[in-house]
Amino acid sequence: MALSNTAVPIYYGQFRDAVIRGEIPVNREIAMEMSRIDDLIANPGVYYDDEAVEGFVAYCENELTLTDGADLQLLDTFKLWAEEIFGWYYFTQRSVYQPNPDGHGGHYVTKTIKRRLVNKQYLIVARGAAKSMYASCLQSYFLNVDTSTTHQITTAPTMKQAEEVLSPIRTSITRARGPLFKFLTEGSLQNTTGSKANRMKLSPTKKGVENFLTGSLLEIRPMSISKLQGLRTKIATVDEWLSGDIREDVVGAIEQGASKVDDYLIVAISSEGTVRNGAGDTIKMELMDILRGDYTNPHVSIWYYKLDSMDEVAYPEMWVKANPNLGKTVSYETYQLDVERAEKAPAARNDILAKRFGIPMEGYTYYFTYEETLPYRPRTYWQMPCSLGCDLSQGDDFCSFTFLFPLSNGCFGIKTRNYITEMTLMKLPTAMRIKYDQFMNEGSLVVLSGTVLDMMEVYDDLDNHIEECGYDVRCVGYDPYNAKEFIDRWERENGPFGTIKVPQGVKTETVPLGELKKMSEERMLLFDEELMTFAMGNCITLEDTNGNRKLLKKRREQKIDAVAAMMDAYVAYKANKDAFE
């Protein structure tokens, strides 16, 4: 068949038919990706190449072996995922300089160039789905078949994880069975001056795995921006990009260099993470925007496997939504044992729910779930009454002010204003600086000069902000720590009425935290700023034997001050409800 702009992809067609017949349950995210593929089928400017897909399948099954030396039979999911990479193409016009035949001068000609459509693929799939083996198949193909490839990398949070991609390739070298591998591995690596026919063409080296015939190198790189930027990489695989405690966008770092190469490919594979507010959360939000159709990006393939709800954990027939290779690469019994373990060992519960079922959880007991931290559409609260919460700091923490607007339906509108010094901003690592820039652009974070915040300068800016936004502040709740100068001036200028002291501690925090949590579960806290998403996502709680809670953060850089200020505002509101009637 070769190229066609009307054909239904072979493996996707088989998968879609099985879904329609009810044989394969899929979650909302996979259903949305199917809709995107259906759009590609209907697009006359996009072409499907079955020969390219079958070439990849034939190479893997005829040349590669499993780590135990057994024959490799590609899983249906591997074929489905790879089909989006190798199956879709488009044509573009490019002006190319062509020298004249006589060697004197030249001219530009317009050439039609065939380009692979997909240059990034994201796989989020449960532990035990053999996703590292899939990455190995891709890396091996480009190393030995695609002669245009020169530099390939694989990266993961640890060297052990990255080695899982290289190990099957090394095994294939030592246990070569197919004709290509036999040709590439015959001869001696030490033979550098004798007959080329007697030289080994493919071999593990200190650098990684090298193909001396094509000049290709596959190497492991640490998962750090400084080690990944600037590389002109043809293919890169990023393993467990959600699972490690990674605060940097390593996929973006790789793409900066790779985008200079024609038909580059980045495949990011991972199980669901247990780390909050990393680059992974930001990427997931972008992927969901693409899946929902908020913006179009046909160059990205997204396979996001997970249960649709926590309730589905109790139904084994639904588990395949999180792991499409269940029963093939991992047994139902293993899953059942993990479910029983989660019930008996709460400490392991979050990890099991995230890694086995794709439910976004956290390694620590984070107070607000991922879904509860998603912002709402922006809105203003001009001349609306509100309660103001204050959590003041002069050091590296945010000096935070949160406005709580009671709405008619029992919900609360939320806005926040936060302050740091230039010195604090300068000390931030690159990844966190990018996030802070976002806060500044949306107006939720203000940077003031100096090394220590001047509370009177903060007061002046906040006062102007309140006036510009038209907020009608009816009461104020504040943590007394470091607040005397600010509150004294507030009471002088606005009167002492409605000002409530909210000391930190389990006695004062337990009740308001519990009520705010319940409202967040019901999606009644209507915030629209990324800084509040950031702060809520950082909150963990310390709970004593009596069920009393205290608000905490896991690490120094994980600021929660805007949430503490929200709690102060809520306490003040409850104590001054009559001011809002």
Protein backbone atom coordinates (compact mmCIF):
# COMPACT_ATOMS: atom_id res chain seq x y z
CA MET A 1 0.00 0.00 0.00
CA ALA A 2 2.84 2.41 0.88
CA LEU A 3 1.69 6.00 1.30
CA SER A 4 -2.01 6.75 1.61
CA ASN A 5 -3.94 9.76 2.93
CA THR A 6 -7.13 7.75 3.42
CA ALA A 7 -6.00 4.46 4.96
CA VAL A 8 -6.82 3.40 8.49
CA PRO A 9 -3.62 2.39 10.33
CA ILE A 10 -3.40 -1.39 10.65
CA TYR A 11 -2.76 -1.75 14.36
CA TYR A 12 -4.83 1.23 15.41
CA GLY A 13 -7.72 -0.12 13.34
CA GLN A 14 -7.53 -3.47 15.14
CA PHE A 15 -7.38 -1.70 18.50
CA ARG A 16 -10.29 0.62 17.69
CA ASP A 17 -12.47 -2.29 16.57
CA ALA A 18 -11.75 -4.14 19.82
CA VAL A 19 -12.66 -1.06 21.85
CA ILE A 20 -15.91 -0.61 19.91
CA ARG A 21 -16.80 -4.27 20.50
CA GLY A 22 -16.26 -3.73 24.24
CA GLU A 23 -13.32 -6.14 24.42
CA ILE A 24 -10.85 -3.50 25.65
CA PRO A 25 -11.96 -0.92 28.22
CA VAL A 26 -10.23 2.45 27.84
CA ASN A 27 -10.11 5.54 30.00
CA ARG A 28 -11.04 9.08 29.02
CA GLU A 29 -7.48 10.03 28.04
CA ILE A 30 -7.03 7.07 25.66
CA ALA A 31 -10.45 7.79 24.14
CA MET A 32 -9.33 11.37 23.47
CA GLU A 33 -6.11 10.14 21.81
CA MET A 34 -8.22 7.86 19.61
CA SER A 35 -10.22 10.90 18.51
CA ARG A 36 -6.95 12.63 17.59
CA ILE A 37 -5.89 9.65 15.48
CA ASP A 38 -9.30 9.62 13.79
CA ASP A 39 -8.69 13.27 12.88
CA LEU A 40 -5.35 12.32 11.29
CA ILE A 41 -7.08 9.64 9.21
CA ALA A 42 -9.56 12.24 7.97
CA ASN A 43 -6.84 14.82 7.21
CA PRO A 44 -5.92 14.70 3.48
CA GLY A 45 -2.59 16.40 4.19
CA VAL A 46 -1.37 13.55 6.41
CA TYR A 47 -0.20 10.24 4.95
CA TYR A 48 0.05 6.73 6.43
CA ASP A 49 2.95 4.44 5.44
CA ASP A 50 2.31 0.80 6.32
CA GLU A 51 5.69 -0.32 4.94
CA ALA A 52 7.59 1.85 7.43
CA VAL A 53 5.57 0.40 10.31
CA GLU A 54 6.02 -3.18 9.15
CA GLY A 55 9.74 -2.54 8.67
CA PHE A 56 10.09 -1.66 12.34
CA VAL A 57 8.03 -4.69 13.39
CA ALA A 58 10.05 -7.05 11.17
CA TYR A 59 13.36 -5.70 12.48
CA CYS A 60 12.35 -6.19 16.11
CA GLU A 61 10.92 -9.68 15.70
CA ASN A 62 13.62 -11.00 13.34
CA GLU A 63 16.70 -9.43 14.89
CA LEU A 64 16.15 -8.74 18.59
CA THR A 65 15.98 -11.09 21.53
CA LEU A 66 14.70 -10.86 25.08
CA THR A 67 17.23 -10.60 27.91
CA ASP A 68 16.96 -14.36 28.48
CA GLY A 69 17.79 -15.04 24.84
CA ALA A 70 14.23 -15.96 23.84
CA ASP A 71 12.66 -14.71 20.62
CA LEU A 72 11.03 -11.29 20.81
CA GLN A 73 7.38 -11.05 19.80
CA LEU A 74 6.24 -7.45 19.85
CA LEU A 75 3.27 -6.75 22.07
CA ASP A 76 0.17 -5.31 20.42
CA THR A 77 0.68 -2.14 22.44
CA PHE A 78 4.25 -1.76 21.14
CA LYS A 79 2.93 -1.96 17.57
CA LEU A 80 0.17 0.53 18.40
CA TRP A 81 2.57 3.04 19.95
CA ALA A 82 5.24 2.63 17.30
CA GLU A 83 2.67 3.02 14.53
CA GLU A 84 2.12 6.64 15.52
CA ILE A 85 5.87 7.25 15.19
CA PHE A 86 6.61 5.36 11.99
CA GLY A 87 3.22 5.46 10.32
CA TRP A 88 2.40 9.15 9.86
CA TYR A 89 4.05 11.55 7.41
CA TYR A 90 3.48 14.90 5.77
CA PHE A 91 5.15 16.77 2.93
CA THR A 92 6.72 20.21 3.09
CA GLN A 93 8.32 22.48 0.51
CA ARG A 94 11.92 23.51 1.02
CA SER A 95 14.12 25.86 -1.04
CA VAL A 96 17.48 24.17 -1.62
CA TYR A 97 20.59 25.61 -3.28
CA GLN A 98 21.74 23.48 -6.21
CA PRO A 99 25.14 24.07 -7.90
CA ASN A 100 25.20 24.25 -11.70
CA PRO A 101 26.60 21.18 -13.55
CA ASP A 102 29.60 23.15 -14.83
CA GLY A 103 30.62 24.04 -11.26
CA HIS A 104 30.10 27.75 -11.80
CA GLY A 105 27.36 29.33 -9.69
CA GLY A 106 24.08 27.72 -8.89
CA HIS A 107 20.42 28.32 -8.22
CA TYR A 108 17.70 27.57 -5.71
CA VAL A 109 15.16 24.87 -6.44
CA THR A 110 12.02 23.96 -4.53
CA LYS A 111 11.98 20.37 -3.33
CA THR A 112 9.20 18.40 -1.72
CA ILE A 113 10.45 16.82 1.50
CA LYS A 114 8.80 13.88 3.28
CA ARG A 115 8.80 14.44 7.03
CA ARG A 116 7.75 12.19 9.91
CA LEU A 117 4.74 13.74 11.62
CA VAL A 118 5.39 12.72 15.24
CA ASN A 119 8.58 13.93 16.90
CA LYS A 120 7.51 13.50 20.54
CA GLN A 121 5.70 10.63 22.19
CA TYR A 122 4.59 10.56 25.81
CA LEU A 123 3.70 7.24 27.46
CA ILE A 124 2.25 7.21 30.96
CA VAL A 125 1.54 3.60 31.79
CA ALA A 126 1.57 1.46 34.91
CA ARG A 127 4.57 -0.36 36.30
CA GLY A 128 5.09 -3.78 34.70
CA ALA A 129 4.02 -2.79 31.18
CA ALA A 130 7.51 -3.44 29.74
CA LYS A 131 7.81 0.18 28.65
CA SER A 132 11.63 0.13 28.97
CA MET A 133 11.70 -2.76 26.49
CA TYR A 134 9.70 -0.62 24.08
CA ALA A 135 12.32 2.12 24.41
CA SER A 136 15.04 -0.47 23.74
CA CYS A 137 13.35 -1.55 20.51
CA LEU A 138 13.19 2.04 19.28
CA GLN A 139 16.79 2.79 20.20
CA SER A 140 18.03 -0.41 18.55
CA TYR A 141 16.15 0.31 15.32
CA PHE A 142 17.58 3.79 14.95
CA LEU A 143 21.05 2.59 15.94
CA ASN A 144 21.21 -0.11 13.28
CA VAL A 145 18.67 0.68 10.55
CA ASP A 146 18.26 4.46 10.26
CA THR A 147 21.62 5.45 8.75
CA SER A 148 20.94 9.17 9.28
CA THR A 149 21.15 8.70 13.04
CA THR A 150 24.45 9.72 14.65
CA HIS A 151 23.74 10.48 18.31
CA GLN A 152 21.22 8.79 20.57
CA ILE A 153 20.73 9.18 24.30
CA THR A 154 18.70 7.57 27.02
CA THR A 155 18.22 9.15 30.41
CA ALA A 156 16.49 8.30 33.67
CA PRO A 157 16.54 9.49 37.30
CA THR A 158 19.15 6.81 38.11
CA MET A 159 21.83 5.02 36.10
CA LYS A 160 20.21 1.68 37.00
CA GLN A 161 16.92 2.76 35.39
CA ALA A 162 18.70 4.07 32.29
CA GLU A 163 20.62 0.81 31.99
CA GLU A 164 17.28 -1.04 31.56
CA VAL A 165 17.09 0.43 28.07
CA LEU A 166 20.63 -0.51 27.07
CA SER A 167 20.66 -4.01 28.59
CA PRO A 168 18.38 -5.68 25.97
CA ILE A 169 20.49 -4.14 23.19
CA ARG A 170 23.68 -5.57 24.68
CA THR A 171 21.92 -8.94 24.99
CA SER A 172 20.93 -8.81 21.32
CA ILE A 173 24.57 -8.21 20.42
CA THR A 174 25.84 -11.21 22.36
CA ARG A 175 22.98 -13.46 21.27
CA ALA A 176 22.50 -12.27 17.73
CA ARG A 177 20.27 -14.44 15.60
CA GLY A 178 19.04 -12.29 12.74
CA PRO A 179 21.08 -11.74 9.57
CA LEU A 180 21.68 -8.03 10.26
CA PHE A 181 22.96 -8.63 13.78
CA LYS A 182 25.16 -11.49 12.60
CA PHE A 183 26.69 -9.18 10.01
CA LEU A 184 27.15 -6.33 12.50
CA THR A 185 28.68 -8.46 15.25
CA GLU A 186 30.99 -10.77 13.29
CA GLY A 187 34.70 -10.06 13.31
CA SER A 188 36.92 -8.55 15.97
CA LEU A 189 36.67 -5.19 17.70
CA GLN A 190 40.46 -5.13 18.05
CA ASN A 191 40.93 -5.33 14.28
CA THR A 192 41.36 -1.68 13.29
CA THR A 193 43.85 -1.90 10.44
CA GLY A 194 43.07 -5.18 8.74
CA SER A 195 40.21 -6.15 6.47
CA LYS A 196 37.02 -4.18 7.13
CA ALA A 197 35.05 -7.38 6.63
CA ASN A 198 36.74 -8.80 9.69
CA ARG A 199 35.94 -5.86 11.95
CA MET A 200 33.05 -5.83 14.41
CA LYS A 201 30.59 -3.11 13.39
CA LEU A 202 28.39 -3.04 16.50
CA SER A 203 29.73 -3.27 20.01
CA PRO A 204 29.31 -2.03 23.59
CA THR A 205 32.11 0.42 24.46
CA LYS A 206 32.99 2.74 27.30
CA LYS A 207 30.87 5.41 25.62
CA GLY A 208 27.75 3.22 25.32
CA VAL A 209 26.77 1.14 22.29
CA GLU A 210 28.42 2.11 19.01
CA ASN A 211 27.68 1.22 15.40
CA PHE A 212 30.99 1.80 13.62
CA LEU A 213 29.38 1.20 10.23
CA THR A 214 26.92 4.09 10.51
CA GLY A 215 28.83 6.19 13.04
CA SER A 216 25.94 6.03 15.50
CA LEU A 217 26.39 6.20 19.27
CA LEU A 218 23.81 5.35 21.94
CA GLU A 219 24.84 6.59 25.37
CA ILE A 220 23.39 7.09 28.84
CA ARG A 221 23.11 10.66 30.09
CA PRO A 222 22.28 11.81 33.64
CA MET A 223 18.82 13.33 34.00
CA SER A 224 20.02 16.91 34.42
CA ILE A 225 19.51 19.94 32.20
CA SER A 226 23.21 20.79 32.32
CA LYS A 227 24.05 17.33 30.90
CA LEU A 228 21.32 17.35 28.24
CA GLN A 229 21.29 20.86 26.78
CA GLY A 230 22.94 21.53 23.45
CA LEU A 231 23.00 17.92 22.24
CA ARG A 232 22.05 17.45 18.56
CA THR A 233 20.26 14.20 19.32
CA LYS A 234 18.36 12.30 16.64
CA ILE A 235 16.53 10.06 19.12
CA ALA A 236 16.22 10.31 22.88
CA THR A 237 14.33 8.17 25.36
CA VAL A 238 13.47 9.62 28.76
CA ASP A 239 12.59 6.97 31.31
CA GLU A 240 10.52 7.62 34.45
CA TRP A 241 10.21 11.36 33.80
CA LEU A 242 7.35 11.50 36.32
CA SER A 243 8.76 9.22 38.97
CA GLY A 244 12.01 10.82 40.01
CA ASP A 245 12.25 13.96 42.14
CA ILE A 246 12.99 16.00 39.03
CA ARG A 247 12.43 19.74 39.24
CA GLU A 248 13.64 20.44 35.69
CA ASP A 249 12.04 20.03 32.27
CA VAL A 250 14.53 17.54 30.83
CA VAL A 251 12.33 16.87 27.80
CA GLY A 252 12.43 20.57 26.92
CA ALA A 253 16.21 20.63 27.43
CA ILE A 254 16.68 17.71 25.01
CA GLU A 255 14.32 19.24 22.46
CA GLN A 256 16.31 22.49 22.32
CA GLY A 257 19.21 20.68 20.67
CA ALA A 258 17.24 17.93 18.92
CA SER A 259 15.02 20.43 17.07
CA LYS A 260 18.06 21.34 14.94
CA VAL A 261 18.01 17.79 13.51
CA ASP A 262 15.53 16.66 10.83
CA ASP A 263 13.00 14.08 11.99
CA TYR A 264 14.23 13.98 15.57
CA LEU A 265 12.31 11.84 18.04
CA ILE A 266 11.89 12.11 21.82
CA VAL A 267 10.04 9.31 23.60
CA ALA A 268 9.22 10.02 27.26
CA ILE A 269 7.97 6.98 29.16
CA SER A 270 6.96 6.73 32.79
CA SER A 271 4.60 5.37 35.35
CA GLU A 272 2.57 7.94 37.29
CA GLY A 273 4.62 10.02 39.68
CA THR A 274 4.66 10.51 43.41
CA VAL A 275 6.32 13.94 43.30
CA ARG A 276 4.34 17.18 43.19
CA ASN A 277 5.00 20.48 41.45
CA GLY A 278 7.82 19.09 39.36
CA ALA A 279 8.20 19.70 35.66
CA GLY A 280 6.18 16.51 35.11
CA ASP A 281 2.99 18.08 36.50
CA THR A 282 3.39 21.03 34.13
CA ILE A 283 3.92 18.72 31.15
CA LYS A 284 0.87 16.65 32.09
CA MET A 285 -1.30 19.75 32.13
CA GLU A 286 -0.04 20.66 28.65
CA LEU A 287 -0.72 17.13 27.40
CA MET A 288 -4.27 17.28 28.76
CA ASP A 289 -4.80 20.57 26.89
CA ILE A 290 -3.76 18.80 23.68
CA LEU A 291 -5.98 15.78 24.35
CA ARG A 292 -8.98 17.99 25.10
CA GLY A 293 -8.38 19.94 21.90
CA ASP A 294 -7.67 23.25 23.66
CA TYR A 295 -4.88 23.58 21.13
CA THR A 296 -3.71 21.40 18.25
CA ASN A 297 -0.30 19.73 18.07
CA PRO A 298 -0.23 16.79 15.64
CA HIS A 299 3.50 16.29 16.27
CA VAL A 300 2.87 14.88 19.75
CA SER A 301 1.62 11.34 20.47
CA ILE A 302 0.05 10.80 23.91
CA TRP A 303 -0.84 7.45 25.48
CA TYR A 304 -1.99 8.16 29.03
CA TYR A 305 -3.19 5.01 30.77
CA LYS A 306 -4.91 5.26 34.15
CA LEU A 307 -8.08 4.34 35.98
CA ASP A 308 -10.87 6.88 35.60
CA SER A 309 -11.59 6.85 39.32
CA MET A 310 -10.43 5.38 42.60
CA ASP A 311 -13.57 3.22 42.67
CA GLU A 312 -12.28 1.13 39.73
CA VAL A 313 -9.48 -0.30 41.90
CA ALA A 314 -12.11 -2.72 43.23
CA TYR A 315 -12.89 -4.07 39.73
CA PRO A 316 -10.13 -6.22 38.16
CA GLU A 317 -11.78 -6.00 34.74
CA MET A 318 -10.97 -2.26 34.77
CA TRP A 319 -7.28 -2.62 35.64
CA VAL A 320 -6.33 -2.92 31.97
CA LYS A 321 -7.16 0.80 31.67
CA ALA A 322 -3.96 1.47 33.65
CA ASN A 323 -1.85 -1.36 32.23
CA PRO A 324 -2.82 -2.51 28.72
CA ASN A 325 -0.25 -5.34 28.96
CA LEU A 326 -1.81 -6.81 32.09
CA GLY A 327 -1.86 -10.60 31.85
CA LYS A 328 1.11 -10.53 29.43
CA THR A 329 4.00 -8.73 31.11
CA VAL A 330 2.59 -8.76 34.63
CA SER A 331 -0.03 -11.04 36.18
CA TYR A 332 -3.42 -10.23 37.66
CA GLU A 333 -2.23 -12.05 40.77
CA THR A 334 0.58 -9.53 41.22
CA TYR A 335 -1.92 -6.70 40.98
CA GLN A 336 -4.27 -8.39 43.46
CA LEU A 337 -1.44 -8.83 45.95
CA ASP A 338 -0.62 -5.13 45.64
CA VAL A 339 -4.25 -4.19 46.27
CA GLU A 340 -4.27 -6.31 49.43
CA ARG A 341 -0.95 -4.77 50.48
CA ALA A 342 -2.32 -1.26 50.00
CA GLU A 343 -5.20 -2.09 52.32
CA LYS A 344 -2.94 -3.53 55.02
CA ALA A 345 0.02 -1.15 54.70
CA PRO A 346 -1.09 2.50 54.37
CA ALA A 347 2.54 3.57 53.93
CA ALA A 348 2.66 1.73 50.59
CA ARG A 349 -0.81 2.81 49.44
CA ASN A 350 0.12 5.97 47.55
CA ASP A 351 2.95 4.29 45.65
CA ILE A 352 0.74 1.35 44.63
CA LEU A 353 -2.13 3.55 43.49
CA ALA A 354 0.22 5.71 41.43
CA LYS A 355 2.48 3.03 39.97
CA ARG A 356 -0.06 0.23 39.41
CA PHE A 357 -3.22 2.17 38.63
CA GLY A 358 -2.02 5.54 37.31
CA ILE A 359 -3.89 7.49 39.97
CA PRO A 360 -1.87 10.67 40.75
CA MET A 361 -0.76 10.25 44.33
CA GLU A 362 2.15 11.45 46.38
CA GLY A 363 4.85 9.68 48.31
CA TYR A 364 4.00 11.88 51.29
CA THR A 365 0.52 12.56 52.57
CA TYR A 366 -0.16 15.69 50.57
CA TYR A 367 -3.24 17.46 51.76
CA PHE A 368 -4.76 18.47 48.45
CA THR A 369 -5.03 16.02 45.57
CA TYR A 370 -3.79 16.82 42.09
CA GLU A 371 -7.33 17.42 40.81
CA GLU A 372 -8.04 19.82 43.69
CA THR A 373 -5.11 22.03 42.68
CA LEU A 374 -6.25 22.65 39.10
CA PRO A 375 -7.04 26.35 38.58
CA TYR A 376 -10.34 27.77 37.33
CA ARG A 377 -10.95 30.30 34.58
CA PRO A 378 -9.80 33.82 35.52
CA ARG A 379 -12.29 36.24 36.98
CA THR A 380 -12.26 39.56 38.83
CA TYR A 381 -13.97 40.55 42.07
CA TRP A 382 -14.43 44.31 41.61
CA GLN A 383 -15.98 45.98 44.68
CA MET A 384 -16.82 42.62 46.22
CA PRO A 385 -16.44 42.09 49.99
CA CYS A 386 -13.61 39.83 51.10
CA SER A 387 -11.57 38.57 54.01
CA LEU A 388 -7.81 39.12 53.95
CA GLY A 389 -5.34 36.56 55.32
CA CYS A 390 -1.73 37.50 56.11
CA ASP A 391 1.29 35.22 56.49
CA LEU A 392 4.26 37.54 56.74
CA SER A 393 7.91 36.73 56.18
CA GLN A 394 11.03 38.77 55.62
CA GLY A 395 13.29 35.87 54.69
CA ASP A 396 13.23 33.29 51.87
CA ASP A 397 9.55 32.38 52.34
CA PHE A 398 6.77 34.27 50.60
CA CYS A 399 5.24 37.21 52.40
CA SER A 400 1.72 36.14 51.48
CA PHE A 401 -1.69 37.78 51.38
CA THR A 402 -4.76 35.84 50.28
CA PHE A 403 -8.18 37.37 49.58
CA LEU A 404 -11.25 35.22 50.23
CA PHE A 405 -14.49 36.33 48.51
CA PRO A 406 -17.71 34.70 49.79
CA LEU A 407 -19.97 33.88 46.82
CA SER A 408 -23.71 33.30 46.76
CA ASN A 409 -23.49 29.54 46.12
CA GLY A 410 -21.34 28.79 49.16
CA CYS A 411 -18.13 28.88 47.13
CA PHE A 412 -15.23 31.23 47.73
CA GLY A 413 -13.33 33.21 45.15
CA ILE A 414 -9.60 33.34 45.89
CA LYS A 415 -6.87 35.78 44.88
CA THR A 416 -3.37 36.02 46.26
CA ARG A 417 -0.53 38.57 46.38
CA ASN A 418 2.96 37.53 47.46
CA TYR A 419 6.32 39.25 47.97
CA ILE A 420 9.98 38.23 47.88
CA THR A 421 13.26 40.11 47.58
CA GLU A 422 15.58 40.37 44.58
CA MET A 423 18.17 38.45 46.60
CA THR A 424 15.77 35.53 47.07
CA LEU A 425 15.03 35.51 43.32
CA MET A 426 18.73 35.51 42.42
CA LYS A 427 19.42 32.41 44.56
CA LEU A 428 16.79 30.28 42.80
CA PRO A 429 17.83 27.34 40.57
CA THR A 430 16.96 27.64 36.88
CA ALA A 431 13.88 25.40 36.95
CA MET A 432 12.35 27.19 39.91
CA ARG A 433 13.17 30.60 38.40
CA ILE A 434 11.04 29.70 35.38
CA LYS A 435 8.11 28.93 37.67
CA TYR A 436 8.61 32.19 39.61
CA ASP A 437 8.65 34.11 36.32
CA GLN A 438 5.22 32.66 35.62
CA PHE A 439 3.97 33.89 39.00
CA MET A 440 5.34 37.36 38.34
CA ASN A 441 3.74 37.48 34.88
CA GLU A 442 0.31 36.65 36.32
CA GLY A 443 0.72 39.31 39.05
CA SER A 444 0.56 36.98 42.04
CA LEU A 445 4.24 37.52 42.95
CA VAL A 446 6.01 40.85 43.40
CA VAL A 447 9.77 41.20 43.71
CA LEU A 448 11.06 44.08 45.84
CA SER A 449 14.63 45.36 46.05
CA GLY A 450 17.07 44.47 48.80
CA THR A 451 17.88 41.37 50.83
CA VAL A 452 15.17 41.76 53.49
CA LEU A 453 11.58 42.81 52.85
CA ASP A 454 10.60 46.25 54.08
CA MET A 455 7.14 45.71 55.59
CA MET A 456 6.13 49.30 54.96
CA GLU A 457 7.03 48.93 51.28
CA VAL A 458 4.99 45.73 51.21
CA TYR A 459 2.10 47.56 52.90
CA ASP A 460 2.18 50.39 50.34
CA ASP A 461 2.16 48.00 47.37
CA LEU A 462 -0.63 45.86 48.84
CA ASP A 463 -2.70 48.95 49.66
CA ASN A 464 -2.37 50.16 46.06
CA HIS A 465 -3.22 46.67 44.78
CA ILE A 466 -6.40 46.54 46.88
CA GLU A 467 -7.46 49.94 45.56
CA GLU A 468 -6.66 49.09 41.92
CA CYS A 469 -8.58 45.80 42.09
CA GLY A 470 -11.49 47.36 43.96
CA TYR A 471 -11.45 44.80 46.79
CA ASP A 472 -13.70 45.58 49.77
CA VAL A 473 -11.72 44.13 52.72
CA ARG A 474 -14.12 43.54 55.63
CA CYS A 475 -11.82 41.61 58.02
CA VAL A 476 -8.22 40.47 58.44
CA GLY A 477 -6.76 37.23 59.83
CA TYR A 478 -3.04 37.11 60.52
CA ASP A 479 -0.29 34.92 61.91
CA PRO A 480 1.24 37.10 64.68
CA TYR A 481 4.80 36.07 63.80
CA ASN A 482 6.57 39.07 62.24
CA ALA A 483 3.25 40.88 61.80
CA LYS A 484 3.29 43.61 64.46
CA GLU A 485 4.53 46.49 62.29
CA PHE A 486 2.16 45.65 59.44
CA ILE A 487 -0.93 45.09 61.62
CA ASP A 488 -0.28 48.22 63.72
CA ARG A 489 -0.37 50.35 60.59
CA TRP A 490 -3.41 48.49 59.23
CA GLU A 491 -5.35 49.17 62.43
CA ARG A 492 -4.27 52.83 62.47
CA GLU A 493 -5.51 53.38 58.93
CA ASN A 494 -8.51 51.04 58.84
CA GLY A 495 -9.55 50.63 62.47
CA PRO A 496 -9.13 47.60 64.77
CA PHE A 497 -12.47 46.01 63.96
CA GLY A 498 -12.44 42.62 62.26
CA THR A 499 -8.77 41.96 62.91
CA ILE A 500 -8.21 38.40 64.15
CA LYS A 501 -4.99 36.83 65.41
CA VAL A 502 -4.50 33.25 64.09
CA PRO A 503 -1.47 31.62 65.78
CA GLN A 504 -0.05 28.56 64.02
CA GLY A 505 -0.46 25.16 65.68
CA VAL A 506 -2.72 22.12 65.75
CA LYS A 507 -5.25 23.77 68.08
CA THR A 508 -5.97 26.61 65.68
CA GLU A 509 -5.36 24.88 62.34
CA THR A 510 -7.24 21.58 62.63
CA VAL A 511 -10.81 22.83 62.14
CA PRO A 512 -10.23 25.41 59.38
CA LEU A 513 -7.93 23.02 57.51
CA GLY A 514 -10.57 20.30 57.62
CA GLU A 515 -13.28 22.66 56.34
CA LEU A 516 -11.07 24.02 53.57
CA LYS A 517 -10.21 20.46 52.55
CA LYS A 518 -13.87 19.53 52.29
CA MET A 519 -14.54 22.60 50.14
CA SER A 520 -11.60 21.80 47.89
CA GLU A 521 -12.94 18.27 47.38
CA GLU A 522 -16.25 19.78 46.30
CA ARG A 523 -14.36 22.26 44.08
CA MET A 524 -15.73 25.24 45.99
CA LEU A 525 -12.40 27.10 46.30
CA LEU A 526 -12.30 29.05 43.03
CA PHE A 527 -8.69 30.14 42.53
CA ASP A 528 -7.33 31.06 39.10
CA GLU A 529 -3.62 31.70 39.74
CA GLU A 530 -0.75 29.27 39.23
CA LEU A 531 0.89 30.40 42.45
CA MET A 532 -2.08 29.10 44.45
CA THR A 533 -1.90 25.82 42.50
CA PHE A 534 1.79 25.66 43.42
CA ALA A 535 1.16 26.38 47.12
CA MET A 536 -1.74 23.92 47.46
CA GLY A 537 0.28 21.22 45.72
CA ASN A 538 3.08 21.66 48.28
CA CYS A 539 0.93 21.25 51.39
CA ILE A 540 1.43 18.23 53.60
CA THR A 541 -0.03 17.85 57.08
CA LEU A 542 1.24 16.48 60.34
CA GLU A 543 -1.49 14.58 62.17
CA ASP A 544 -1.31 13.52 65.81
CA THR A 545 -3.04 10.55 67.48
CA ASN A 546 -6.12 12.65 68.17
CA GLY A 547 -6.58 13.60 64.50
CA ASN A 548 -5.34 17.14 64.94
CA ARG A 549 -3.55 18.58 61.91
CA LYS A 550 -0.82 21.09 61.30
CA LEU A 551 0.12 22.52 57.91
CA LEU A 552 3.67 21.71 56.75
CA LYS A 553 5.84 21.58 53.62
CA LYS A 554 8.16 18.77 52.54
CA ARG A 555 11.08 20.91 51.41
CA ARG A 556 12.25 24.46 51.88
CA GLU A 557 11.55 25.47 48.28
CA GLN A 558 7.99 24.12 48.38
CA LYS A 559 6.23 27.27 49.55
CA ILE A 560 2.84 26.97 51.25
CA ASP A 561 2.51 30.53 52.55
CA ALA A 562 -0.41 31.47 50.27
CA VAL A 563 -2.40 28.52 51.69
CA ALA A 564 -1.53 29.53 55.26
CA ALA A 565 -2.80 33.01 54.43
CA MET A 566 -5.97 31.49 52.95
CA MET A 567 -6.56 29.63 56.21
CA ASP A 568 -6.05 32.89 58.17
CA ALA A 569 -8.56 34.63 55.89
CA TYR A 570 -11.08 31.84 56.42
CA VAL A 571 -10.76 32.01 60.22
CA ALA A 572 -11.29 35.79 60.06
CA TYR A 573 -14.31 35.34 57.80
CA LYS A 574 -15.96 32.86 60.17
CA ALA A 575 -15.41 35.21 63.10
CA ASN A 576 -16.88 38.18 61.21
CA LYS A 577 -19.72 36.67 59.15
CA ASP A 578 -22.03 39.48 60.22
CA ALA A 579 -19.81 41.92 58.31
CA PHE A 580 -20.75 40.15 55.08
CA GLU A 581 -24.51 40.14 55.55
